[in-house]
Amino acid sequence: MATLSTHVLDTASGAPARGLKIKLKRLEPHTKDFGVFTTNADGRITQKLMSEDDALFGVYEIVFQAGEYLRSRGAELPSYPFLDEIPIRFGISDDSHYHVPLLLSPYGYSTYRGS
């Protein structure tokens, strides 16, 4: 069974991104919306992102609500921020743990497959 986790670090402040909303959905093989989750004080989602029955091999997408988060932290962003929603599309192809972290600032981000 595959498992999934994520966390967000605010590299502009040097701290975990507390209160950042994340949307998760599966695109293939059967579309499913898993809902909206919010990061805790450590920048992590503590609840299970998907059940064992929902952890199918396929294509998934996490959308990080960066613009909303950055504004809530006092960042002065233009009406059309450079980064607003950050979609990360990834595949799950084996029964292992998938960790999709995000390093975030108002004008850049980075991600990788973590452990």
PDB file of N, CA and C in Angstrom:
ATOM      1  N   MET A   1       0.827  -1.174   0.000  1.00  0.00           N
ATOM      2  CA  MET A   1       0.000   0.000   0.000  1.00  0.00           C
ATOM      3  C   MET A   1       0.882   1.252   0.000  1.00  0.00           C
ATOM      4  N   ALA A   2       0.568   2.169  -0.889  1.00  0.00           N
ATOM      5  CA  ALA A   2       1.285   3.441  -0.952  1.00  0.00           C
ATOM      6  C   ALA A   2       0.735   4.393   0.100  1.00  0.00           C
ATOM      7  N   THR A   3       1.610   5.211   0.657  1.00  0.00           N
ATOM      8  CA  THR A   3       1.194   6.262   1.584  1.00  0.00           C
ATOM      9  C   THR A   3       1.737   7.597   1.094  1.00  0.00           C
ATOM     10  N   LEU A   4       1.119   8.674   1.554  1.00  0.00           N
ATOM     11  CA  LEU A   4       1.461  10.004   1.070  1.00  0.00           C
ATOM     12  C   LEU A   4       1.529  10.986   2.231  1.00  0.00           C
ATOM     13  N   SER A   5       2.534  11.845   2.205  1.00  0.00           N
ATOM     14  CA  SER A   5       2.629  12.935   3.169  1.00  0.00           C
ATOM     15  C   SER A   5       3.205  14.161   2.469  1.00  0.00           C
ATOM     16  N   THR A   6       3.085  15.304   3.140  1.00  0.00           N
ATOM     17  CA  THR A   6       3.631  16.553   2.618  1.00  0.00           C
ATOM     18  C   THR A   6       3.942  17.481   3.781  1.00  0.00           C
ATOM     19  N   HIS A   7       4.773  18.446   3.535  1.00  0.00           N
ATOM     20  CA  HIS A   7       4.957  19.550   4.470  1.00  0.00           C
ATOM     21  C   HIS A   7       5.479  20.750   3.693  1.00  0.00           C
ATOM     22  N   VAL A   8       5.315  21.929   4.293  1.00  0.00           N
ATOM     23  CA  VAL A   8       5.682  23.168   3.614  1.00  0.00           C
ATOM     24  C   VAL A   8       6.558  24.001   4.538  1.00  0.00           C
ATOM     25  N   LEU A   9       7.680  24.470   3.995  1.00  0.00           N
ATOM     26  CA  LEU A   9       8.563  25.380   4.715  1.00  0.00           C
ATOM     27  C   LEU A   9       8.552  26.730   4.007  1.00  0.00           C
ATOM     28  N   ASP A  10       8.365  27.777   4.775  1.00  0.00           N
ATOM     29  CA  ASP A  10       8.368  29.141   4.263  1.00  0.00           C
ATOM     30  C   ASP A  10       9.817  29.628   4.310  1.00  0.00           C
ATOM     31  N   THR A  11      10.499  29.576   3.188  1.00  0.00           N
ATOM     32  CA  THR A  11      11.921  29.911   3.173  1.00  0.00           C
ATOM     33  C   THR A  11      12.173  31.410   3.348  1.00  0.00           C
ATOM     34  N   ALA A  12      11.158  32.248   3.081  1.00  0.00           N
ATOM     35  CA  ALA A  12      11.326  33.690   3.285  1.00  0.00           C
ATOM     36  C   ALA A  12      11.384  34.022   4.770  1.00  0.00           C
ATOM     37  N   SER A  13      10.626  33.278   5.583  1.00  0.00           N
ATOM     38  CA  SER A  13      10.621  33.544   7.024  1.00  0.00           C
ATOM     39  C   SER A  13      11.516  32.572   7.790  1.00  0.00           C
ATOM     40  N   GLY A  14      11.945  31.512   7.135  1.00  0.00           N
ATOM     41  CA  GLY A  14      12.778  30.513   7.792  1.00  0.00           C
ATOM     42  C   GLY A  14      12.014  29.669   8.791  1.00  0.00           C
ATOM     43  N   ALA A  15      10.714  29.474   8.535  1.00  0.00           N
ATOM     44  CA  ALA A  15       9.866  28.742   9.471  1.00  0.00           C
ATOM     45  C   ALA A  15       8.882  27.847   8.721  1.00  0.00           C
ATOM     46  N   PRO A  16       8.284  26.881   9.413  1.00  0.00           N
ATOM     47  CA  PRO A  16       7.243  26.071   8.791  1.00  0.00           C
ATOM     48  C   PRO A  16       6.064  26.959   8.365  1.00  0.00           C
ATOM     49  N   ALA A  17       5.403  26.573   7.297  1.00  0.00           N
ATOM     50  CA  ALA A  17       4.254  27.324   6.782  1.00  0.00           C
ATOM     51  C   ALA A  17       2.981  26.862   7.474  1.00  0.00           C
ATOM     52  N   ARG A  18       2.654  27.509   8.563  1.00  0.00           N
ATOM     53  CA  ARG A  18       1.468  27.166   9.359  1.00  0.00           C
ATOM     54  C   ARG A  18       0.217  27.768   8.713  1.00  0.00           C
ATOM     55  N   GLY A  19      -0.818  26.939   8.571  1.00  0.00           N
ATOM     56  CA  GLY A  19      -2.094  27.425   8.061  1.00  0.00           C
ATOM     57  C   GLY A  19      -2.211  27.484   6.551  1.00  0.00           C
ATOM     58  N   LEU A  20      -1.317  26.839   5.831  1.00  0.00           N
ATOM     59  CA  LEU A  20      -1.384  26.815   4.365  1.00  0.00           C
ATOM     60  C   LEU A  20      -2.359  25.726   3.931  1.00  0.00           C
ATOM     61  N   LYS A  21      -3.290  26.076   3.054  1.00  0.00           N
ATOM     62  CA  LYS A  21      -4.280  25.109   2.570  1.00  0.00           C
ATOM     63  C   LYS A  21      -3.733  24.339   1.369  1.00  0.00           C
ATOM     64  N   ILE A  22      -4.075  23.058   1.344  1.00  0.00           N
ATOM     65  CA  ILE A  22      -3.621  22.154   0.291  1.00  0.00           C
ATOM     66  C   ILE A  22      -4.821  21.361  -0.210  1.00  0.00           C
ATOM     67  N   LYS A  23      -4.975  21.308  -1.530  1.00  0.00           N
ATOM     68  CA  LYS A  23      -6.013  20.475  -2.136  1.00  0.00           C
ATOM     69  C   LYS A  23      -5.336  19.238  -2.710  1.00  0.00           C
ATOM     70  N   LEU A  24      -5.956  18.083  -2.533  1.00  0.00           N
ATOM     71  CA  LEU A  24      -5.413  16.841  -3.077  1.00  0.00           C
ATOM     72  C   LEU A  24      -6.472  16.156  -3.912  1.00  0.00           C
ATOM     73  N   LYS A  25      -6.055  15.686  -5.103  1.00  0.00           N
ATOM     74  CA  LYS A  25      -6.964  14.901  -5.932  1.00  0.00           C
ATOM     75  C   LYS A  25      -6.196  13.866  -6.734  1.00  0.00           C
ATOM     76  N   ARG A  26      -6.907  12.809  -7.106  1.00  0.00           N
ATOM     77  CA  ARG A  26      -6.354  11.801  -8.012  1.00  0.00           C
ATOM     78  C   ARG A  26      -6.937  12.102  -9.386  1.00  0.00           C
ATOM     79  N   LEU A  27      -6.097  12.083 -10.410  1.00  0.00           N
ATOM     80  CA  LEU A  27      -6.527  12.345 -11.776  1.00  0.00           C
ATOM     81  C   LEU A  27      -6.740  11.060 -12.569  1.00  0.00           C
ATOM     82  N   GLU A  28      -5.908  10.060 -12.326  1.00  0.00           N
ATOM     83  CA  GLU A  28      -6.005   8.764 -13.002  1.00  0.00           C
ATOM     84  C   GLU A  28      -5.675   7.674 -12.004  1.00  0.00           C
ATOM     85  N   PRO A  29      -6.233   6.500 -12.070  1.00  0.00           N
ATOM     86  CA  PRO A  29      -7.150   5.990 -13.083  1.00  0.00           C
ATOM     87  C   PRO A  29      -8.601   6.427 -12.865  1.00  0.00           C
ATOM     88  N   HIS A  30      -9.030   6.724 -11.672  1.00  0.00           N
ATOM     89  CA  HIS A  30     -10.395   7.174 -11.404  1.00  0.00           C
ATOM     90  C   HIS A  30     -10.291   8.487 -10.649  1.00  0.00           C
ATOM     91  N   THR A  31     -10.861   9.545 -11.218  1.00  0.00           N
ATOM     92  CA  THR A  31     -10.789  10.855 -10.599  1.00  0.00           C
ATOM     93  C   THR A  31     -11.436  10.838  -9.212  1.00  0.00           C
ATOM     94  N   LYS A  32     -10.731  11.425  -8.263  1.00  0.00           N
ATOM     95  CA  LYS A  32     -11.271  11.539  -6.907  1.00  0.00           C
ATOM     96  C   LYS A  32     -10.698  12.769  -6.240  1.00  0.00           C
ATOM     97  N   ASP A  33     -11.580  13.554  -5.626  1.00  0.00           N
ATOM     98  CA  ASP A  33     -11.181  14.726  -4.864  1.00  0.00           C
ATOM     99  C   ASP A  33     -11.093  14.311  -3.405  1.00  0.00           C
ATOM    100  N   PHE A  34      -9.913  14.447  -2.810  1.00  0.00           N
ATOM    101  CA  PHE A  34      -9.711  14.054  -1.416  1.00  0.00           C
ATOM    102  C   PHE A  34      -9.996  15.195  -0.444  1.00  0.00           C
ATOM    103  N   GLY A  35     -10.174  16.401  -0.953  1.00  0.00           N
ATOM    104  CA  GLY A  35     -10.532  17.525  -0.103  1.00  0.00           C
ATOM    105  C   GLY A  35      -9.420  18.526   0.104  1.00  0.00           C
ATOM    106  N   VAL A  36      -9.668  19.402   1.072  1.00  0.00           N
ATOM    107  CA  VAL A  36      -8.740  20.477   1.416  1.00  0.00           C
ATOM    108  C   VAL A  36      -8.201  20.200   2.817  1.00  0.00           C
ATOM    109  N   PHE A  37      -6.899  20.339   2.967  1.00  0.00           N
ATOM    110  CA  PHE A  37      -6.215  20.100   4.233  1.00  0.00           C
ATOM    111  C   PHE A  37      -5.452  21.376   4.604  1.00  0.00           C
ATOM    112  N   THR A  38      -5.172  21.560   5.874  1.00  0.00           N
ATOM    113  CA  THR A  38      -4.449  22.743   6.338  1.00  0.00           C
ATOM    114  C   THR A  38      -3.244  22.316   7.161  1.00  0.00           C
ATOM    115  N   THR A  39      -2.111  22.933   6.881  1.00  0.00           N
ATOM    116  CA  THR A  39      -0.882  22.583   7.601  1.00  0.00           C
ATOM    117  C   THR A  39      -0.950  23.052   9.062  1.00  0.00           C
ATOM    118  N   ASN A  40      -0.292  22.290   9.915  1.00  0.00           N
ATOM    119  CA  ASN A  40      -0.241  22.617  11.347  1.00  0.00           C
ATOM    120  C   ASN A  40       0.945  23.546  11.646  1.00  0.00           C
ATOM    121  N   ALA A  41       1.240  23.750  12.920  1.00  0.00           N
ATOM    122  CA  ALA A  41       2.324  24.653  13.328  1.00  0.00           C
ATOM    123  C   ALA A  41       3.695  24.211  12.817  1.00  0.00           C
ATOM    124  N   ASP A  42       3.827  22.916  12.497  1.00  0.00           N
ATOM    125  CA  ASP A  42       5.081  22.386  11.970  1.00  0.00           C
ATOM    126  C   ASP A  42       5.090  22.368  10.435  1.00  0.00           C
ATOM    127  N   GLY A  43       4.046  22.937   9.807  1.00  0.00           N
ATOM    128  CA  GLY A  43       3.953  22.965   8.348  1.00  0.00           C
ATOM    129  C   GLY A  43       3.549  21.636   7.745  1.00  0.00           C
ATOM    130  N   ARG A  44       3.014  20.737   8.565  1.00  0.00           N
ATOM    131  CA  ARG A  44       2.660  19.391   8.113  1.00  0.00           C
ATOM    132  C   ARG A  44       1.157  19.149   8.181  1.00  0.00           C
ATOM    133  N   ILE A  45       0.724  18.171   7.417  1.00  0.00           N
ATOM    134  CA  ILE A  45      -0.651  17.673   7.505  1.00  0.00           C
ATOM    135  C   ILE A  45      -0.586  16.435   8.393  1.00  0.00           C
ATOM    136  N   THR A  46      -1.272  16.462   9.507  1.00  0.00           N
ATOM    137  CA  THR A  46      -1.192  15.336  10.439  1.00  0.00           C
ATOM    138  C   THR A  46      -2.236  14.263  10.156  1.00  0.00           C
ATOM    139  N   GLN A  47      -3.332  14.642   9.508  1.00  0.00           N
ATOM    140  CA  GLN A  47      -4.337  13.631   9.202  1.00  0.00           C
ATOM    141  C   GLN A  47      -3.945  12.832   7.960  1.00  0.00           C
ATOM    142  N   LYS A  48      -4.498  11.650   7.835  1.00  0.00           N
ATOM    143  CA  LYS A  48      -4.220  10.793   6.690  1.00  0.00           C
ATOM    144  C   LYS A  48      -4.792  11.449   5.428  1.00  0.00           C
ATOM    145  N   LEU A  49      -3.971  11.578   4.407  1.00  0.00           N
ATOM    146  CA  LEU A  49      -4.407  12.238   3.179  1.00  0.00           C
ATOM    147  C   LEU A  49      -5.343  11.365   2.343  1.00  0.00           C
ATOM    148  N   MET A  50      -5.150  10.050   2.419  1.00  0.00           N
ATOM    149  CA  MET A  50      -6.047   9.126   1.710  1.00  0.00           C
ATOM    150  C   MET A  50      -6.036   7.776   2.407  1.00  0.00           C
ATOM    151  N   SER A  51      -7.147   7.078   2.285  1.00  0.00           N
ATOM    152  CA  SER A  51      -7.271   5.767   2.924  1.00  0.00           C
ATOM    153  C   SER A  51      -6.523   4.701   2.125  1.00  0.00           C
ATOM    154  N   GLU A  52      -6.366   3.534   2.721  1.00  0.00           N
ATOM    155  CA  GLU A  52      -5.712   2.419   2.020  1.00  0.00           C
ATOM    156  C   GLU A  52      -6.461   2.070   0.739  1.00  0.00           C
ATOM    157  N   ASP A  53      -7.791   2.087   0.778  1.00  0.00           N
ATOM    158  CA  ASP A  53      -8.593   1.761  -0.408  1.00  0.00           C
ATOM    159  C   ASP A  53      -8.437   2.795  -1.515  1.00  0.00           C
ATOM    160  N   ASP A  54      -8.130   4.034  -1.154  1.00  0.00           N
ATOM    161  CA  ASP A  54      -7.989   5.111  -2.137  1.00  0.00           C
ATOM    162  C   ASP A  54      -6.580   5.250  -2.694  1.00  0.00           C
ATOM    163  N   ALA A  55      -5.605   4.582  -2.091  1.00  0.00           N
ATOM    164  CA  ALA A  55      -4.200   4.718  -2.488  1.00  0.00           C
ATOM    165  C   ALA A  55      -3.892   3.834  -3.696  1.00  0.00           C
ATOM    166  N   LEU A  56      -4.476   4.180  -4.831  1.00  0.00           N
ATOM    167  CA  LEU A  56      -4.272   3.426  -6.071  1.00  0.00           C
ATOM    168  C   LEU A  56      -3.035   3.937  -6.799  1.00  0.00           C
ATOM    169  N   PHE A  57      -2.437   3.086  -7.613  1.00  0.00           N
ATOM    170  CA  PHE A  57      -1.379   3.561  -8.500  1.00  0.00           C
ATOM    171  C   PHE A  57      -2.041   4.511  -9.492  1.00  0.00           C
ATOM    172  N   GLY A  58      -1.373   5.602  -9.807  1.00  0.00           N
ATOM    173  CA  GLY A  58      -1.957   6.556 -10.741  1.00  0.00           C
ATOM    174  C   GLY A  58      -1.312   7.918 -10.657  1.00  0.00           C
ATOM    175  N   VAL A  59      -2.031   8.907 -11.190  1.00  0.00           N
ATOM    176  CA  VAL A  59      -1.561  10.286 -11.248  1.00  0.00           C
ATOM    177  C   VAL A  59      -2.349  11.109 -10.238  1.00  0.00           C
ATOM    178  N   TYR A  60      -1.620  11.873  -9.425  1.00  0.00           N
ATOM    179  CA  TYR A  60      -2.206  12.691  -8.371  1.00  0.00           C
ATOM    180  C   TYR A  60      -1.767  14.132  -8.538  1.00  0.00           C
ATOM    181  N   GLU A  61      -2.496  15.024  -7.885  1.00  0.00           N
ATOM    182  CA  GLU A  61      -2.107  16.429  -7.903  1.00  0.00           C
ATOM    183  C   GLU A  61      -2.364  17.049  -6.536  1.00  0.00           C
ATOM    184  N   ILE A  62      -1.345  17.716  -6.015  1.00  0.00           N
ATOM    185  CA  ILE A  62      -1.467  18.533  -4.815  1.00  0.00           C
ATOM    186  C   ILE A  62      -1.399  19.983  -5.280  1.00  0.00           C
ATOM    187  N   VAL A  63      -2.352  20.787  -4.810  1.00  0.00           N
ATOM    188  CA  VAL A  63      -2.345  22.211  -5.141  1.00  0.00           C
ATOM    189  C   VAL A  63      -2.148  22.982  -3.837  1.00  0.00           C
ATOM    190  N   PHE A  64      -1.017  23.661  -3.738  1.00  0.00           N
ATOM    191  CA  PHE A  64      -0.684  24.458  -2.568  1.00  0.00           C
ATOM    192  C   PHE A  64      -1.243  25.871  -2.767  1.00  0.00           C
ATOM    193  N   GLN A  65      -2.022  26.356  -1.825  1.00  0.00           N
ATOM    194  CA  GLN A  65      -2.648  27.682  -1.896  1.00  0.00           C
ATOM    195  C   GLN A  65      -1.678  28.740  -1.366  1.00  0.00           C
ATOM    196  N   ALA A  66      -0.635  28.991  -2.142  1.00  0.00           N
ATOM    197  CA  ALA A  66       0.468  29.849  -1.703  1.00  0.00           C
ATOM    198  C   ALA A  66       0.068  31.311  -1.552  1.00  0.00           C
ATOM    199  N   GLY A  67      -0.664  31.864  -2.501  1.00  0.00           N
ATOM    200  CA  GLY A  67      -1.031  33.280  -2.446  1.00  0.00           C
ATOM    201  C   GLY A  67      -1.830  33.616  -1.206  1.00  0.00           C
ATOM    202  N   GLU A  68      -2.825  32.808  -0.909  1.00  0.00           N
ATOM    203  CA  GLU A  68      -3.649  33.021   0.283  1.00  0.00           C
ATOM    204  C   GLU A  68      -2.795  32.967   1.552  1.00  0.00           C
ATOM    205  N   TYR A  69      -1.903  31.977   1.615  1.00  0.00           N
ATOM    206  CA  TYR A  69      -1.018  31.836   2.773  1.00  0.00           C
ATOM    207  C   TYR A  69      -0.104  33.056   2.911  1.00  0.00           C
ATOM    208  N   LEU A  70       0.559  33.456   1.822  1.00  0.00           N
ATOM    209  CA  LEU A  70       1.514  34.563   1.883  1.00  0.00           C
ATOM    210  C   LEU A  70       0.826  35.863   2.292  1.00  0.00           C
ATOM    211  N   ARG A  71      -0.364  36.113   1.768  1.00  0.00           N
ATOM    212  CA  ARG A  71      -1.108  37.316   2.164  1.00  0.00           C
ATOM    213  C   ARG A  71      -1.450  37.279   3.654  1.00  0.00           C
ATOM    214  N   SER A  72      -1.831  36.094   4.143  1.00  0.00           N
ATOM    215  CA  SER A  72      -2.196  35.969   5.558  1.00  0.00           C
ATOM    216  C   SER A  72      -1.005  36.234   6.476  1.00  0.00           C
ATOM    217  N   ARG A  73       0.208  36.126   5.946  1.00  0.00           N
ATOM    218  CA  ARG A  73       1.428  36.372   6.720  1.00  0.00           C
ATOM    219  C   ARG A  73       1.965  37.782   6.505  1.00  0.00           C
ATOM    220  N   GLY A  74       1.185  38.609   5.820  1.00  0.00           N
ATOM    221  CA  GLY A  74       1.574  40.007   5.650  1.00  0.00           C
ATOM    222  C   GLY A  74       2.408  40.314   4.429  1.00  0.00           C
ATOM    223  N   ALA A  75       2.590  39.355   3.547  1.00  0.00           N
ATOM    224  CA  ALA A  75       3.355  39.616   2.324  1.00  0.00           C
ATOM    225  C   ALA A  75       2.574  40.589   1.444  1.00  0.00           C
ATOM    226  N   GLU A  76       3.255  41.594   0.950  1.00  0.00           N
ATOM    227  CA  GLU A  76       2.622  42.547   0.042  1.00  0.00           C
ATOM    228  C   GLU A  76       2.721  41.995  -1.371  1.00  0.00           C
ATOM    229  N   LEU A  77       1.605  41.444  -1.825  1.00  0.00           N
ATOM    230  CA  LEU A  77       1.557  40.839  -3.155  1.00  0.00           C
ATOM    231  C   LEU A  77       0.702  41.693  -4.070  1.00  0.00           C
ATOM    232  N   PRO A  78       1.028  41.724  -5.357  1.00  0.00           N
ATOM    233  CA  PRO A  78       0.177  42.456  -6.299  1.00  0.00           C
ATOM    234  C   PRO A  78      -1.169  41.746  -6.479  1.00  0.00           C
ATOM    235  N   SER A  79      -2.072  42.387  -7.168  1.00  0.00           N
ATOM    236  CA  SER A  79      -3.401  41.799  -7.421  1.00  0.00           C
ATOM    237  C   SER A  79      -3.288  40.423  -8.065  1.00  0.00           C
ATOM    238  N   TYR A  80      -2.292  40.282  -8.919  1.00  0.00           N
ATOM    239  CA  TYR A  80      -2.031  39.004  -9.574  1.00  0.00           C
ATOM    240  C   TYR A  80      -0.642  38.536  -9.137  1.00  0.00           C
ATOM    241  N   PRO A  81      -0.583  37.816  -8.024  1.00  0.00           N
ATOM    242  CA  PRO A  81       0.737  37.429  -7.497  1.00  0.00           C
ATOM    243  C   PRO A  81       1.472  36.487  -8.435  1.00  0.00           C
ATOM    244  N   PHE A  82       2.777  36.548  -8.369  1.00  0.00           N
ATOM    245  CA  PHE A  82       3.595  35.652  -9.182  1.00  0.00           C
ATOM    246  C   PHE A  82       3.248  34.201  -8.889  1.00  0.00           C
ATOM    247  N   LEU A  83       3.144  33.841  -7.604  1.00  0.00           N
ATOM    248  CA  LEU A  83       2.731  32.499  -7.201  1.00  0.00           C
ATOM    249  C   LEU A  83       1.423  32.604  -6.425  1.00  0.00           C
ATOM    250  N   ASP A  84       0.396  31.968  -6.938  1.00  0.00           N
ATOM    251  CA  ASP A  84      -0.889  31.950  -6.240  1.00  0.00           C
ATOM    252  C   ASP A  84      -1.208  30.518  -5.844  1.00  0.00           C
ATOM    253  N   GLU A  85      -1.599  29.706  -6.815  1.00  0.00           N
ATOM    254  CA  GLU A  85      -1.779  28.275  -6.589  1.00  0.00           C
ATOM    255  C   GLU A  85      -0.608  27.547  -7.229  1.00  0.00           C
ATOM    256  N   ILE A  86      -0.023  26.612  -6.487  1.00  0.00           N
ATOM    257  CA  ILE A  86       1.117  25.848  -7.000  1.00  0.00           C
ATOM    258  C   ILE A  86       0.690  24.386  -7.134  1.00  0.00           C
ATOM    259  N   PRO A  87       0.410  23.936  -8.376  1.00  0.00           N
ATOM    260  CA  PRO A  87       0.041  22.528  -8.567  1.00  0.00           C
ATOM    261  C   PRO A  87       1.285  21.660  -8.773  1.00  0.00           C
ATOM    262  N   ILE A  88       1.342  20.558  -8.059  1.00  0.00           N
ATOM    263  CA  ILE A  88       2.408  19.578  -8.242  1.00  0.00           C
ATOM    264  C   ILE A  88       1.731  18.278  -8.658  1.00  0.00           C
ATOM    265  N   ARG A  89       1.999  17.844  -9.869  1.00  0.00           N
ATOM    266  CA  ARG A  89       1.421  16.602 -10.388  1.00  0.00           C
ATOM    267  C   ARG A  89       2.489  15.520 -10.313  1.00  0.00           C
ATOM    268  N   PHE A  90       2.120  14.366  -9.761  1.00  0.00           N
ATOM    269  CA  PHE A  90       3.093  13.302  -9.551  1.00  0.00           C
ATOM    270  C   PHE A  90       2.411  11.947  -9.702  1.00  0.00           C
ATOM    271  N   GLY A  91       3.221  10.916  -9.915  1.00  0.00           N
ATOM    272  CA  GLY A  91       2.699   9.557 -10.070  1.00  0.00           C
ATOM    273  C   GLY A  91       3.047   8.685  -8.885  1.00  0.00           C
ATOM    274  N   ILE A  92       2.120   7.804  -8.551  1.00  0.00           N
ATOM    275  CA  ILE A  92       2.358   6.766  -7.555  1.00  0.00           C
ATOM    276  C   ILE A  92       2.350   5.446  -8.307  1.00  0.00           C
ATOM    277  N   SER A  93       3.483   4.742  -8.283  1.00  0.00           N
ATOM    278  CA  SER A  93       3.612   3.539  -9.105  1.00  0.00           C
ATOM    279  C   SER A  93       4.073   2.307  -8.338  1.00  0.00           C
ATOM    280  N   ASP A  94       4.230   2.443  -7.021  1.00  0.00           N
ATOM    281  CA  ASP A  94       4.585   1.261  -6.231  1.00  0.00           C
ATOM    282  C   ASP A  94       4.113   1.441  -4.794  1.00  0.00           C
ATOM    283  N   ASP A  95       4.148   0.376  -4.058  1.00  0.00           N
ATOM    284  CA  ASP A  95       3.676   0.385  -2.668  1.00  0.00           C
ATOM    285  C   ASP A  95       4.778   0.866  -1.730  1.00  0.00           C
ATOM    286  N   SER A  96       5.021   2.159  -1.760  1.00  0.00           N
ATOM    287  CA  SER A  96       6.014   2.742  -0.871  1.00  0.00           C
ATOM    288  C   SER A  96       5.473   4.077  -0.360  1.00  0.00           C
ATOM    289  N   HIS A  97       6.281   4.756   0.437  1.00  0.00           N
ATOM    290  CA  HIS A  97       5.863   6.055   0.966  1.00  0.00           C
ATOM    291  C   HIS A  97       6.276   7.160   0.000  1.00  0.00           C
ATOM    292  N   TYR A  98       5.359   8.067  -0.281  1.00  0.00           N
ATOM    293  CA  TYR A  98       5.610   9.226  -1.130  1.00  0.00           C
ATOM    294  C   TYR A  98       5.485  10.475  -0.273  1.00  0.00           C
ATOM    295  N   HIS A  99       6.541  11.269  -0.255  1.00  0.00           N
ATOM    296  CA  HIS A  99       6.538  12.514   0.498  1.00  0.00           C
ATOM    297  C   HIS A  99       6.791  13.641  -0.489  1.00  0.00           C
ATOM    298  N   VAL A 100       5.866  14.607  -0.560  1.00  0.00           N
ATOM    299  CA  VAL A 100       5.964  15.712  -1.512  1.00  0.00           C
ATOM    300  C   VAL A 100       6.044  17.025  -0.730  1.00  0.00           C
ATOM    301  N   PRO A 101       7.249  17.458  -0.382  1.00  0.00           N
ATOM    302  CA  PRO A 101       7.416  18.707   0.363  1.00  0.00           C
ATOM    303  C   PRO A 101       7.468  19.915  -0.571  1.00  0.00           C
ATOM    304  N   LEU A 102       7.226  21.082   0.006  1.00  0.00           N
ATOM    305  CA  LEU A 102       7.319  22.327  -0.754  1.00  0.00           C
ATOM    306  C   LEU A 102       8.143  23.328   0.054  1.00  0.00           C
ATOM    307  N   LEU A 103       9.137  23.912  -0.595  1.00  0.00           N
ATOM    308  CA  LEU A 103       9.909  25.028  -0.045  1.00  0.00           C
ATOM    309  C   LEU A 103       9.394  26.270  -0.753  1.00  0.00           C
ATOM    310  N   LEU A 104       8.874  27.227  -0.002  1.00  0.00           N
ATOM    311  CA  LEU A 104       8.097  28.326  -0.579  1.00  0.00           C
ATOM    312  C   LEU A 104       8.627  29.696  -0.192  1.00  0.00           C
ATOM    313  N   SER A 105       8.616  30.615  -1.171  1.00  0.00           N
ATOM    314  CA  SER A 105       8.813  32.042  -0.931  1.00  0.00           C
ATOM    315  C   SER A 105       7.876  32.777  -1.904  1.00  0.00           C
ATOM    316  N   PRO A 106       7.692  34.078  -1.777  1.00  0.00           N
ATOM    317  CA  PRO A 106       6.752  34.779  -2.662  1.00  0.00           C
ATOM    318  C   PRO A 106       7.095  34.696  -4.156  1.00  0.00           C
ATOM    319  N   TYR A 107       8.372  34.469  -4.480  1.00  0.00           N
ATOM    320  CA  TYR A 107       8.759  34.469  -5.890  1.00  0.00           C
ATOM    321  C   TYR A 107       9.470  33.200  -6.345  1.00  0.00           C
ATOM    322  N   GLY A 108       9.346  32.129  -5.569  1.00  0.00           N
ATOM    323  CA  GLY A 108       9.945  30.878  -5.987  1.00  0.00           C
ATOM    324  C   GLY A 108       9.535  29.736  -5.086  1.00  0.00           C
ATOM    325  N   TYR A 109       9.686  28.525  -5.616  1.00  0.00           N
ATOM    326  CA  TYR A 109       9.416  27.333  -4.824  1.00  0.00           C
ATOM    327  C   TYR A 109      10.239  26.179  -5.356  1.00  0.00           C
ATOM    328  N   SER A 110      10.360  25.161  -4.532  1.00  0.00           N
ATOM    329  CA  SER A 110      11.087  23.960  -4.916  1.00  0.00           C
ATOM    330  C   SER A 110      10.363  22.763  -4.294  1.00  0.00           C
ATOM    331  N   THR A 111      10.428  21.631  -4.968  1.00  0.00           N
ATOM    332  CA  THR A 111       9.871  20.400  -4.444  1.00  0.00           C
ATOM    333  C   THR A 111      10.765  19.233  -4.861  1.00  0.00           C
ATOM    334  N   TYR A 112      10.541  18.104  -4.271  1.00  0.00           N
ATOM    335  CA  TYR A 112      11.319  16.911  -4.563  1.00  0.00           C
ATOM    336  C   TYR A 112      10.579  15.723  -3.963  1.00  0.00           C
ATOM    337  N   ARG A 113      10.996  14.528  -4.278  1.00  0.00           N
ATOM    338  CA  ARG A 113      10.420  13.364  -3.600  1.00  0.00           C
ATOM    339  C   ARG A 113      11.235  13.107  -2.348  1.00  0.00           C
ATOM    340  N   GLY A 114      10.620  13.367  -1.230  1.00  0.00           N
ATOM    341  CA  GLY A 114      11.286  13.169   0.055  1.00  0.00           C
ATOM    342  C   GLY A 114      11.079  11.781   0.584  1.00  0.00           C
ATOM    343  N   SER A 115      11.463  11.581   1.824  1.00  0.00           N
ATOM    344  CA  SER A 115      11.323  10.259   2.451  1.00  0.00           C
ATOM    345  C   SER A 115      10.404  10.323   3.652  1.00  0.00           C
TER     346      SER A 115
END
